Amino acid sequence: MIGFNTVAELGASAGILSAASDIKENTASFEFSLAFGAGAMFDVGSLWFTVDGRYQLGLTNVFEGVNEPTRDTSDVKNAGWAFTAGLAFPIGGSDASRSR
């Protein structure tokens, strides 16, 4: 997979105080990653119930262009989990689409 950087902010909060800073110029403009996952579909009458789980593993460094010797940004990568659930329904009058 390929991802494009659209927003990069660093935020902090303590009690009622909070602050945010734009760090987009210090981060890479795109990244590559691998996604692993599995899903299942269950027949529930005239519909299908679907569930899916995925893990995305970043392959490229988020701070690839930063050359500040005082900061250790040598191995910062994105990663994340995604879970989905939904209903699928056939479009049209044929039962051929339900044979999967």
N, C-alpha and C. Protein backbone atom coordinates (compact mmCIF):
# COMPACT_ATOMS: atom_id res chain seq x y z
N MET A 1 0.83 -1.17 0.00
CA MET A 1 0.00 0.00 0.00
C MET A 1 0.88 1.23 0.00
N ILE A 2 0.32 2.31 -0.49
CA ILE A 2 1.01 3.59 -0.45
C ILE A 2 0.10 4.60 0.24
N GLY A 3 0.67 5.41 1.11
CA GLY A 3 -0.10 6.43 1.81
C GLY A 3 0.51 7.79 1.56
N PHE A 4 -0.34 8.81 1.45
CA PHE A 4 0.11 10.17 1.22
C PHE A 4 -0.16 11.02 2.46
N ASN A 5 0.80 11.83 2.83
CA ASN A 5 0.69 12.70 4.00
C ASN A 5 -0.15 13.92 3.64
N THR A 6 -1.31 14.05 4.25
CA THR A 6 -2.16 15.22 4.02
C THR A 6 -2.13 16.19 5.19
N VAL A 7 -1.97 15.68 6.42
CA VAL A 7 -1.90 16.52 7.61
C VAL A 7 -0.91 15.89 8.57
N ALA A 8 -0.04 16.70 9.17
CA ALA A 8 0.89 16.21 10.19
C ALA A 8 0.94 17.23 11.31
N GLU A 9 0.33 16.88 12.44
CA GLU A 9 0.31 17.77 13.60
C GLU A 9 0.83 17.03 14.82
N LEU A 10 1.49 17.77 15.69
CA LEU A 10 1.95 17.25 16.97
C LEU A 10 1.20 18.03 18.04
N GLY A 11 0.51 17.31 18.91
CA GLY A 11 -0.28 17.96 19.93
C GLY A 11 0.05 17.47 21.32
N ALA A 12 -0.21 18.33 22.30
CA ALA A 12 0.01 17.97 23.70
C ALA A 12 -1.04 18.68 24.55
N SER A 13 -1.41 18.04 25.66
CA SER A 13 -2.35 18.68 26.58
C SER A 13 -2.01 18.29 28.01
N ALA A 14 -2.26 19.23 28.90
CA ALA A 14 -2.05 19.02 30.33
C ALA A 14 -3.14 19.79 31.06
N GLY A 15 -4.09 19.04 31.62
CA GLY A 15 -5.20 19.69 32.30
C GLY A 15 -6.05 20.48 31.31
N ILE A 16 -6.20 21.79 31.56
CA ILE A 16 -7.00 22.62 30.66
C ILE A 16 -6.16 23.27 29.55
N LEU A 17 -4.85 23.07 29.58
CA LEU A 17 -3.97 23.64 28.57
C LEU A 17 -3.73 22.63 27.45
N SER A 18 -3.70 23.12 26.22
CA SER A 18 -3.37 22.26 25.08
C SER A 18 -2.70 23.10 24.01
N ALA A 19 -1.89 22.43 23.19
CA ALA A 19 -1.18 23.10 22.11
C ALA A 19 -1.00 22.13 20.96
N ALA A 20 -0.92 22.67 19.74
CA ALA A 20 -0.69 21.86 18.56
C ALA A 20 0.25 22.60 17.62
N SER A 21 1.04 21.85 16.88
CA SER A 21 2.00 22.44 15.96
C SER A 21 2.00 21.66 14.66
N ASP A 22 2.10 22.35 13.55
CA ASP A 22 2.16 21.71 12.23
C ASP A 22 3.59 21.21 12.00
N ILE A 23 3.75 19.90 11.79
CA ILE A 23 5.08 19.33 11.57
C ILE A 23 5.19 18.68 10.18
N LYS A 24 4.32 19.09 9.26
CA LYS A 24 4.31 18.46 7.93
C LYS A 24 5.63 18.61 7.19
N GLU A 25 6.30 19.75 7.33
CA GLU A 25 7.58 19.94 6.61
C GLU A 25 8.69 19.05 7.16
N ASN A 26 8.49 18.46 8.34
CA ASN A 26 9.49 17.57 8.94
C ASN A 26 9.18 16.09 8.73
N THR A 27 8.09 15.79 8.02
CA THR A 27 7.70 14.40 7.81
C THR A 27 7.73 14.06 6.33
N ALA A 28 7.81 12.79 6.04
CA ALA A 28 7.83 12.31 4.65
C ALA A 28 6.48 12.58 3.99
N SER A 29 6.49 12.81 2.69
CA SER A 29 5.25 13.14 1.99
C SER A 29 4.46 11.89 1.60
N PHE A 30 5.09 10.72 1.61
CA PHE A 30 4.37 9.47 1.35
C PHE A 30 5.08 8.33 2.05
N GLU A 31 4.40 7.20 2.18
CA GLU A 31 4.98 6.02 2.82
C GLU A 31 4.46 4.76 2.17
N PHE A 32 5.20 3.70 2.33
CA PHE A 32 4.79 2.38 1.87
C PHE A 32 4.50 1.50 3.08
N SER A 33 3.52 0.60 2.94
CA SER A 33 3.17 -0.29 4.04
C SER A 33 2.60 -1.59 3.50
N LEU A 34 2.57 -2.59 4.37
CA LEU A 34 1.94 -3.87 4.07
C LEU A 34 0.70 -4.01 4.93
N ALA A 35 -0.33 -4.63 4.38
CA ALA A 35 -1.56 -4.86 5.14
C ALA A 35 -1.84 -6.35 5.15
N PHE A 36 -2.10 -6.88 6.33
CA PHE A 36 -2.44 -8.29 6.52
C PHE A 36 -3.83 -8.35 7.15
N GLY A 37 -4.65 -9.26 6.70
CA GLY A 37 -5.97 -9.33 7.30
C GLY A 37 -6.76 -10.53 6.85
N ALA A 38 -7.93 -10.62 7.41
CA ALA A 38 -8.86 -11.70 7.07
C ALA A 38 -10.27 -11.20 7.26
N GLY A 39 -11.18 -11.82 6.55
CA GLY A 39 -12.58 -11.43 6.66
C GLY A 39 -13.47 -12.64 6.45
N ALA A 40 -14.72 -12.47 6.76
CA ALA A 40 -15.69 -13.56 6.58
C ALA A 40 -17.05 -12.96 6.24
N MET A 41 -17.83 -13.74 5.49
CA MET A 41 -19.20 -13.35 5.15
C MET A 41 -20.14 -14.45 5.62
N PHE A 42 -21.27 -14.06 6.21
CA PHE A 42 -22.25 -15.01 6.70
C PHE A 42 -23.61 -14.71 6.07
N ASP A 43 -24.25 -15.74 5.58
CA ASP A 43 -25.57 -15.61 4.97
C ASP A 43 -26.62 -15.43 6.06
N VAL A 44 -27.34 -14.31 6.02
CA VAL A 44 -28.40 -14.05 6.99
C VAL A 44 -29.68 -13.71 6.22
N GLY A 45 -30.31 -14.73 5.69
CA GLY A 45 -31.54 -14.52 4.91
C GLY A 45 -31.24 -13.95 3.55
N SER A 46 -31.78 -12.78 3.26
CA SER A 46 -31.56 -12.16 1.96
C SER A 46 -30.34 -11.25 1.95
N LEU A 47 -29.59 -11.18 3.05
CA LEU A 47 -28.40 -10.33 3.17
C LEU A 47 -27.18 -11.16 3.53
N TRP A 48 -26.02 -10.53 3.45
CA TRP A 48 -24.77 -11.10 3.93
C TRP A 48 -24.25 -10.20 5.04
N PHE A 49 -23.80 -10.79 6.14
CA PHE A 49 -23.15 -10.06 7.22
C PHE A 49 -21.65 -10.25 7.05
N THR A 50 -20.88 -9.16 7.01
CA THR A 50 -19.44 -9.25 6.78
C THR A 50 -18.68 -8.71 7.99
N VAL A 51 -17.56 -9.35 8.31
CA VAL A 51 -16.62 -8.87 9.33
C VAL A 51 -15.22 -8.96 8.75
N ASP A 52 -14.36 -8.04 9.18
CA ASP A 52 -13.02 -7.97 8.61
C ASP A 52 -12.08 -7.39 9.66
N GLY A 53 -10.85 -7.89 9.71
CA GLY A 53 -9.82 -7.35 10.58
C GLY A 53 -8.51 -7.25 9.81
N ARG A 54 -7.81 -6.13 9.96
CA ARG A 54 -6.55 -5.93 9.25
C ARG A 54 -5.51 -5.27 10.15
N TYR A 55 -4.25 -5.56 9.86
CA TYR A 55 -3.13 -4.89 10.52
C TYR A 55 -2.27 -4.27 9.44
N GLN A 56 -1.95 -3.00 9.59
CA GLN A 56 -1.11 -2.30 8.61
C GLN A 56 0.25 -2.03 9.23
N LEU A 57 1.29 -2.49 8.54
CA LEU A 57 2.67 -2.37 9.01
C LEU A 57 3.43 -1.41 8.12
N GLY A 58 3.86 -0.27 8.66
CA GLY A 58 4.62 0.71 7.90
C GLY A 58 6.02 0.21 7.58
N LEU A 59 6.47 0.47 6.36
CA LEU A 59 7.80 0.04 5.92
C LEU A 59 8.80 1.19 5.81
N THR A 60 8.31 2.41 5.70
CA THR A 60 9.19 3.56 5.52
C THR A 60 9.16 4.45 6.76
N ASN A 61 10.26 5.16 6.97
CA ASN A 61 10.41 6.04 8.12
C ASN A 61 9.54 7.28 7.94
N VAL A 62 8.80 7.67 8.97
CA VAL A 62 7.94 8.84 8.92
C VAL A 62 8.77 10.11 8.80
N PHE A 63 9.91 10.18 9.48
CA PHE A 63 10.78 11.36 9.48
C PHE A 63 11.96 11.18 8.55
N GLU A 64 11.73 10.72 7.36
CA GLU A 64 12.81 10.39 6.43
C GLU A 64 13.67 11.58 6.04
N GLY A 65 13.10 12.78 5.96
CA GLY A 65 13.86 13.94 5.51
C GLY A 65 14.49 14.75 6.62
N VAL A 66 14.34 14.37 7.86
CA VAL A 66 14.85 15.16 8.99
C VAL A 66 16.33 14.86 9.20
N ASN A 67 17.15 15.90 9.26
CA ASN A 67 18.59 15.72 9.45
C ASN A 67 19.09 16.43 10.70
N GLU A 68 18.29 16.44 11.75
CA GLU A 68 18.72 17.07 12.99
C GLU A 68 19.45 16.05 13.85
N PRO A 69 20.72 16.28 14.16
CA PRO A 69 21.49 15.30 14.94
C PRO A 69 21.04 15.15 16.38
N THR A 70 20.28 16.12 16.91
CA THR A 70 19.88 16.05 18.31
C THR A 70 18.65 15.18 18.53
N ARG A 71 17.95 14.79 17.47
CA ARG A 71 16.74 13.98 17.62
C ARG A 71 16.97 12.60 17.03
N ASP A 72 16.52 11.58 17.75
CA ASP A 72 16.62 10.21 17.25
C ASP A 72 15.32 9.86 16.52
N THR A 73 15.30 10.09 15.22
CA THR A 73 14.13 9.78 14.40
C THR A 73 14.49 8.69 13.39
N SER A 74 15.38 7.80 13.78
CA SER A 74 15.91 6.81 12.85
C SER A 74 14.93 5.70 12.51
N ASP A 75 13.96 5.43 13.36
CA ASP A 75 13.08 4.28 13.11
C ASP A 75 11.65 4.55 13.59
N VAL A 76 11.00 5.58 13.05
CA VAL A 76 9.63 5.88 13.40
C VAL A 76 8.75 5.48 12.22
N LYS A 77 7.87 4.50 12.45
CA LYS A 77 7.01 3.98 11.38
C LYS A 77 5.57 3.92 11.87
N ASN A 78 4.64 4.05 10.93
CA ASN A 78 3.22 3.94 11.26
C ASN A 78 2.81 2.48 11.34
N ALA A 79 1.81 2.21 12.16
CA ALA A 79 1.21 0.88 12.25
C ALA A 79 -0.19 1.05 12.81
N GLY A 80 -1.08 0.13 12.49
CA GLY A 80 -2.42 0.27 13.04
C GLY A 80 -3.30 -0.92 12.74
N TRP A 81 -4.35 -1.04 13.54
CA TRP A 81 -5.37 -2.07 13.37
C TRP A 81 -6.63 -1.44 12.82
N ALA A 82 -7.38 -2.20 12.02
CA ALA A 82 -8.69 -1.75 11.52
C ALA A 82 -9.66 -2.93 11.57
N PHE A 83 -10.84 -2.68 12.10
CA PHE A 83 -11.89 -3.69 12.16
C PHE A 83 -13.15 -3.11 11.54
N THR A 84 -13.81 -3.90 10.71
CA THR A 84 -15.04 -3.45 10.08
C THR A 84 -16.10 -4.53 10.17
N ALA A 85 -17.34 -4.09 10.10
CA ALA A 85 -18.49 -4.99 10.03
C ALA A 85 -19.53 -4.31 9.15
N GLY A 86 -20.28 -5.12 8.42
CA GLY A 86 -21.27 -4.51 7.55
C GLY A 86 -22.27 -5.50 7.00
N LEU A 87 -23.22 -4.97 6.25
CA LEU A 87 -24.23 -5.77 5.59
C LEU A 87 -24.08 -5.60 4.09
N ALA A 88 -24.15 -6.69 3.35
CA ALA A 88 -24.11 -6.65 1.89
C ALA A 88 -25.43 -7.20 1.38
N PHE A 89 -25.90 -6.62 0.29
CA PHE A 89 -27.15 -7.08 -0.27
C PHE A 89 -27.01 -7.19 -1.79
N PRO A 90 -27.70 -8.16 -2.38
CA PRO A 90 -27.59 -8.35 -3.83
C PRO A 90 -28.33 -7.24 -4.58
N ILE A 91 -27.77 -6.84 -5.70
CA ILE A 91 -28.41 -5.86 -6.57
C ILE A 91 -28.88 -6.60 -7.81
N GLY A 92 -30.13 -6.48 -8.15
CA GLY A 92 -30.70 -7.19 -9.29
C GLY A 92 -31.55 -8.36 -8.80
N GLY A 93 -32.23 -9.00 -9.74
CA GLY A 93 -33.16 -10.05 -9.34
C GLY A 93 -32.60 -11.45 -9.41
N SER A 94 -31.34 -11.62 -9.85
CA SER A 94 -30.77 -12.96 -10.02
C SER A 94 -30.15 -13.46 -8.72
N ASP A 95 -30.31 -14.76 -8.44
CA ASP A 95 -29.65 -15.38 -7.29
C ASP A 95 -28.24 -15.82 -7.61
N ALA A 96 -27.78 -15.58 -8.84
CA ALA A 96 -26.42 -15.97 -9.23
C ALA A 96 -25.36 -15.23 -8.42
N SER A 97 -25.66 -13.99 -7.99
CA SER A 97 -24.68 -13.22 -7.22
C SER A 97 -24.51 -13.77 -5.81
N ARG A 98 -25.40 -14.61 -5.34
CA ARG A 98 -25.32 -15.16 -3.98
C ARG A 98 -24.56 -16.48 -3.94
N SER A 99 -24.02 -16.93 -5.07
CA SER A 99 -23.37 -18.24 -5.10
C SER A 99 -21.94 -18.21 -4.62
N ARG A 100 -21.43 -17.08 -4.14
CA ARG A 100 -20.05 -17.00 -3.65
C ARG A 100 -19.88 -17.64 -2.31
